C-alpha atoms as a PDB file:
ATOM      1  CA  MET A   1     177.970-144.895-119.602  1.00  0.00           C
ATOM      2  CA  PHE A   2     175.508-142.119-120.230  1.00  0.00           C
ATOM      3  CA  ASP A   3     172.328-141.249-122.163  1.00  0.00           C
ATOM      4  CA  ILE A   4     171.147-137.997-123.346  1.00  0.00           C
ATOM      5  CA  ILE A   5     167.346-137.990-123.313  1.00  0.00           C
ATOM      6  CA  ASN A   6     165.645-135.013-125.177  1.00  0.00           C
ATOM      7  CA  ASN A   7     162.218-134.304-123.233  1.00  0.00           C
ATOM      8  CA  SER A   8     162.608-130.895-124.016  1.00  0.00           C
ATOM      9  CA  GLY A   9     159.841-130.586-126.821  1.00  0.00           C
ATOM     10  CA  TYR A  10     162.563-128.861-129.052  1.00  0.00           C
ATOM     11  CA  GLU A  11     164.591-130.300-132.183  1.00  0.00           C
ATOM     12  CA  VAL A  12     168.073-129.947-130.550  1.00  0.00           C
ATOM     13  CA  ALA A  13     170.557-130.052-133.390  1.00  0.00           C
ATOM     14  CA  GLU A  14     173.579-130.000-131.177  1.00  0.00           C
ATOM     15  CA  LEU A  15     172.784-133.457-129.635  1.00  0.00           C
ATOM     16  CA  GLU A  16     175.507-135.422-131.756  1.00  0.00           C
ATOM     17  CA  ILE A  17     178.229-132.708-130.826  1.00  0.00           C
ATOM     18  CA  LEU A  18     177.170-132.875-127.207  1.00  0.00           C
ATOM     19  CA  GLU A  19     177.381-136.707-127.139  1.00  0.00           C
ATOM     20  CA  LYS A  20     180.877-136.826-128.763  1.00  0.00           C
ATOM     21  CA  TYR A  21     182.152-134.034-126.258  1.00  0.00           C
ATOM     22  CA  VAL A  22     180.501-135.602-123.361  1.00  0.00           C
ATOM     23  CA  LYS A  23     182.379-139.036-124.240  1.00  0.00           C
ATOM     24  CA  HIS A  24     185.621-136.880-124.628  1.00  0.00           C
ATOM     25  CA  ILE A  25     185.204-135.313-120.973  1.00  0.00           C
ATOM     26  CA  THR A  26     184.383-138.601-119.289  1.00  0.00           C
ATOM     27  CA  LYS A  27     187.442-139.889-120.557  1.00  0.00           C
ATOM     28  CA  LYS A  28     189.550-136.924-119.527  1.00  0.00           C
ATOM     29  CA  LEU A  29     187.870-137.013-115.969  1.00  0.00           C
ATOM     30  CA  GLU A  30     188.212-140.958-115.739  1.00  0.00           C
ATOM     31  CA  ILE A  31     184.695-141.649-115.359  1.00  0.00           C
ATOM     32  CA  GLU A  32     184.145-144.025-118.168  1.00  0.00           C
ATOM     33  CA  LYS A  33     182.999-146.551-115.578  1.00  0.00           C
ATOM     34  CA  ALA A  34     179.864-144.215-114.237  1.00  0.00           C
ATOM     35  CA  ILE A  35     176.091-144.173-115.060  1.00  0.00           C
ATOM     36  CA  PHE A  36     174.510-140.769-115.202  1.00  0.00           C
ATOM     37  CA  ASN A  37     171.945-139.200-117.463  1.00  0.00           C
ATOM     38  CA  ILE A  38     171.754-135.498-119.284  1.00  0.00           C
ATOM     39  CA  ILE A  39     167.847-134.809-119.707  1.00  0.00           C
ATOM     40  CA  LEU A  40     167.088-132.053-121.996  1.00  0.00           C
ATOM     41  CA  VAL A  41     163.816-130.354-120.631  1.00  0.00           C
ATOM     42  CA  ASN A  42     161.571-127.154-121.191  1.00  0.00           C
ATOM     43  CA  GLU A  43     161.225-124.130-119.183  1.00  0.00           C
ATOM     44  CA  GLU A  44     158.057-125.413-117.594  1.00  0.00           C
ATOM     45  CA  GLU A  45     159.775-128.640-116.368  1.00  0.00           C
ATOM     46  CA  ILE A  46     163.166-127.150-114.939  1.00  0.00           C
ATOM     47  CA  TYR A  47     160.882-124.357-113.195  1.00  0.00           C
ATOM     48  CA  ARG A  48     158.897-127.192-111.425  1.00  0.00           C
ATOM     49  CA  LEU A  49     162.046-129.184-110.413  1.00  0.00           C
ATOM     50  CA  ASN A  50     163.749-125.978-108.952  1.00  0.00           C
ATOM     51  CA  SER A  51     160.722-125.213-107.252  1.00  0.00           C
ATOM     52  CA  GLU A  52     159.945-128.514-106.064  1.00  0.00           C
ATOM     53  CA  TYR A  53     163.449-129.671-104.983  1.00  0.00           C
ATOM     54  CA  ARG A  54     165.404-126.092-104.411  1.00  0.00           C
ATOM     55  CA  GLY A  55     162.354-124.169-103.078  1.00  0.00           C
ATOM     56  CA  VAL A  56     163.321-121.535-105.750  1.00  0.00           C
ATOM     57  CA  ASP A  57     160.447-120.014-107.559  1.00  0.00           C
ATOM     58  CA  ARG A  58     162.021-119.349-110.946  1.00  0.00           C
ATOM     59  CA  LYS A  59     163.438-121.295-113.970  1.00  0.00           C
ATOM     60  CA  THR A  60     167.088-122.093-114.075  1.00  0.00           C
ATOM     61  CA  ASP A  61     169.629-123.420-116.592  1.00  0.00           C
ATOM     62  CA  VAL A  62     170.867-126.816-114.987  1.00  0.00           C
ATOM     63  CA  ILE A  63     169.988-128.937-111.979  1.00  0.00           C
ATOM     64  CA  THR A  64     171.818-132.022-110.807  1.00  0.00           C
ATOM     65  CA  PHE A  65     170.534-134.696-108.696  1.00  0.00           C
ATOM     66  CA  ALA A  66     173.637-136.636-107.410  1.00  0.00           C
ATOM     67  CA  LEU A  67     172.985-140.310-106.520  1.00  0.00           C
ATOM     68  CA  GLU A  68     176.427-140.422-104.481  1.00  0.00           C
ATOM     69  CA  ASP A  69     175.368-137.904-102.341  1.00  0.00           C
ATOM     70  CA  ASN A  70     173.498-140.768-100.510  1.00  0.00           C
ATOM     71  CA  ASP A  71     175.631-143.578 -99.416  1.00  0.00           C
ATOM     72  CA  GLY A  72     173.366-146.209-100.328  1.00  0.00           C
ATOM     73  CA  PHE A  73     173.885-145.562-103.968  1.00  0.00           C
ATOM     74  CA  LYS A  74     177.813-146.038-103.770  1.00  0.00           C
ATOM     75  CA  ASN A  75     179.102-149.029-105.797  1.00  0.00           C
ATOM     76  CA  PRO A  76     182.669-150.326-105.910  1.00  0.00           C
ATOM     77  CA  VAL A  77     182.162-151.657-109.482  1.00  0.00           C
ATOM     78  CA  ILE A  78     180.426-148.885-111.358  1.00  0.00           C
ATOM     79  CA  ARG A  79     179.782-145.423-110.073  1.00  0.00           C
ATOM     80  CA  MET A  80     176.121-144.392-110.162  1.00  0.00           C
ATOM     81  CA  LEU A  81     176.396-140.462-110.371  1.00  0.00           C
ATOM     82  CA  GLY A  82     172.686-139.227-111.018  1.00  0.00           C
ATOM     83  CA  ASP A  83     170.851-136.791-113.549  1.00  0.00           C
ATOM     84  CA  ILE A  84     171.399-133.663-114.976  1.00  0.00           C
ATOM     85  CA  TYR A  85     168.416-131.706-116.135  1.00  0.00           C
ATOM     86  CA  LEU A  86     169.549-128.870-118.777  1.00  0.00           C
ATOM     87  CA  CYS A  87     166.891-126.433-120.101  1.00  0.00           C
ATOM     88  CA  ILE A  88     167.297-125.996-123.808  1.00  0.00           C
ATOM     89  CA  PRO A  89     165.430-122.834-123.971  1.00  0.00           C
ATOM     90  CA  VAL A  90     167.359-121.095-121.034  1.00  0.00           C
ATOM     91  CA  ALA A  91     170.499-122.512-122.701  1.00  0.00           C
ATOM     92  CA  TYR A  92     169.838-120.685-125.914  1.00  0.00           C
ATOM     93  CA  GLU A  93     168.851-117.605-124.324  1.00  0.00           C
ATOM     94  CA  GLN A  94     172.104-117.609-122.511  1.00  0.00           C
ATOM     95  CA  SER A  95     174.079-118.382-125.568  1.00  0.00           C
ATOM     96  CA  GLU A  96     172.778-114.985-126.966  1.00  0.00           C
ATOM     97  CA  ILE A  97     173.472-112.924-123.827  1.00  0.00           C
ATOM     98  CA  TYR A  98     176.871-114.208-123.479  1.00  0.00           C
ATOM     99  CA  GLY A  99     177.623-113.911-127.090  1.00  0.00           C
ATOM    100  CA  HIS A 100     178.846-117.585-127.787  1.00  0.00           C
ATOM    101  CA  SER A 101     177.396-120.362-129.594  1.00  0.00           C
ATOM    102  CA  ARG A 102     174.372-122.690-128.500  1.00  0.00           C
ATOM    103  CA  ILE A 103     176.853-125.501-128.343  1.00  0.00           C
ATOM    104  CA  ARG A 104     179.176-123.986-126.134  1.00  0.00           C
ATOM    105  CA  GLU A 105     176.353-122.977-123.740  1.00  0.00           C
ATOM    106  CA  ILE A 106     174.950-126.480-123.742  1.00  0.00           C
ATOM    107  CA  CYS A 107     178.475-128.152-123.369  1.00  0.00           C
ATOM    108  CA  PHE A 108     179.273-125.581-120.493  1.00  0.00           C
ATOM    109  CA  LEU A 109     175.992-126.433-118.775  1.00  0.00           C
ATOM    110  CA  ALA A 110     176.449-130.253-119.232  1.00  0.00           C
ATOM    111  CA  THR A 111     180.008-129.909-117.977  1.00  0.00           C
ATOM    112  CA  HIS A 112     178.867-127.770-115.118  1.00  0.00           C
ATOM    113  CA  GLY A 113     176.257-130.610-113.980  1.00  0.00           C
ATOM    114  CA  ILE A 114     178.615-133.305-114.485  1.00  0.00           C
ATOM    115  CA  LEU A 115     181.212-131.664-112.308  1.00  0.00           C
ATOM    116  CA  HIS A 116     178.381-131.297-109.865  1.00  0.00           C
ATOM    117  CA  LEU A 117     177.806-134.966-109.779  1.00  0.00           C
ATOM    118  CA  LEU A 118     181.430-135.700-109.273  1.00  0.00           C
ATOM    119  CA  GLY A 119     181.325-133.382-105.885  1.00  0.00           C
ATOM    120  CA  TYR A 120     182.497-130.260-107.121  1.00  0.00           C
ATOM    121  CA  ASP A 121     180.714-127.033-106.158  1.00  0.00           C
ATOM    122  CA  HIS A 122     180.861-123.407-105.921  1.00  0.00           C
ATOM    123  CA  MET A 123     179.512-122.035-102.799  1.00  0.00           C
ATOM    124  CA  GLU A 124     182.961-120.856-101.672  1.00  0.00           C
ATOM    125  CA  GLU A 125     185.441-118.653-103.694  1.00  0.00           C
ATOM    126  CA  GLU A 126     188.267-121.094-103.539  1.00  0.00           C
ATOM    127  CA  GLU A 127     185.672-123.839-104.755  1.00  0.00           C
ATOM    128  CA  GLU A 128     184.604-121.999-107.452  1.00  0.00           C
ATOM    129  CA  LYS A 129     188.233-121.187-108.633  1.00  0.00           C
ATOM    130  CA  VAL A 130     188.640-124.994-108.990  1.00  0.00           C
ATOM    131  CA  MET A 131     185.472-126.128-110.372  1.00  0.00           C
ATOM    132  CA  PHE A 132     185.347-123.203-113.176  1.00  0.00           C
ATOM    133  CA  SER A 133     188.856-123.661-114.132  1.00  0.00           C
ATOM    134  CA  LEU A 134     188.472-127.412-114.635  1.00  0.00           C
ATOM    135  CA  GLN A 135     185.309-126.337-116.642  1.00  0.00           C
ATOM    136  CA  GLU A 136     187.183-124.151-118.933  1.00  0.00           C
ATOM    137  CA  GLU A 137     190.027-126.603-119.267  1.00  0.00           C
ATOM    138  CA  LEU A 138     187.563-129.376-120.217  1.00  0.00           C
ATOM    139  CA  LEU A 139     185.636-127.320-122.802  1.00  0.00           C
ATOM    140  CA  ASN A 140     189.069-126.045-124.521  1.00  0.00           C
ATOM    141  CA  SER A 141     190.490-129.456-124.581  1.00  0.00           C
ATOM    142  CA  TYR A 142     187.520-130.320-127.273  1.00  0.00           C
ATOM    143  CA  GLU A 143     188.102-126.755-128.769  1.00  0.00           C
ATOM    144  CA  ILE A 144     184.866-125.236-127.394  1.00  0.00           C
ATOM    145  CA  THR A 145     185.782-121.562-126.915  1.00  0.00           C
ATOM    146  CA  ARG A 146     183.897-118.442-126.364  1.00  0.00           C
END
């Protein structure tokens, strides 16, 4: 179970596709009995979050807060994964920079965030290969390509 909350101040035309895509990948990842949120934000909010929680003085595209990183949030019946903050203006900018659609960038960032909530990381080269390969596999399984 997930919610997509639009706190960005932008009208996001891609919301319906994003919701269908996230339903698709929760089935593929076998996390249908999990709770998480995707919160769409503006540049000011993502900047504040990045600065306050990561100590990084700039905007970014996506930030995750994984509840399962804390043992107190582990639940044997339903997983409480956490929150994904996705910056809509940055996603739109990046779609232009990388030369693909806005929906591809938004779904990519949502996938990236979900995988972080599940414990995937890309700090080491081998971890990055695993995580990025799975991201592409999930996007391709819904025919979201570059």
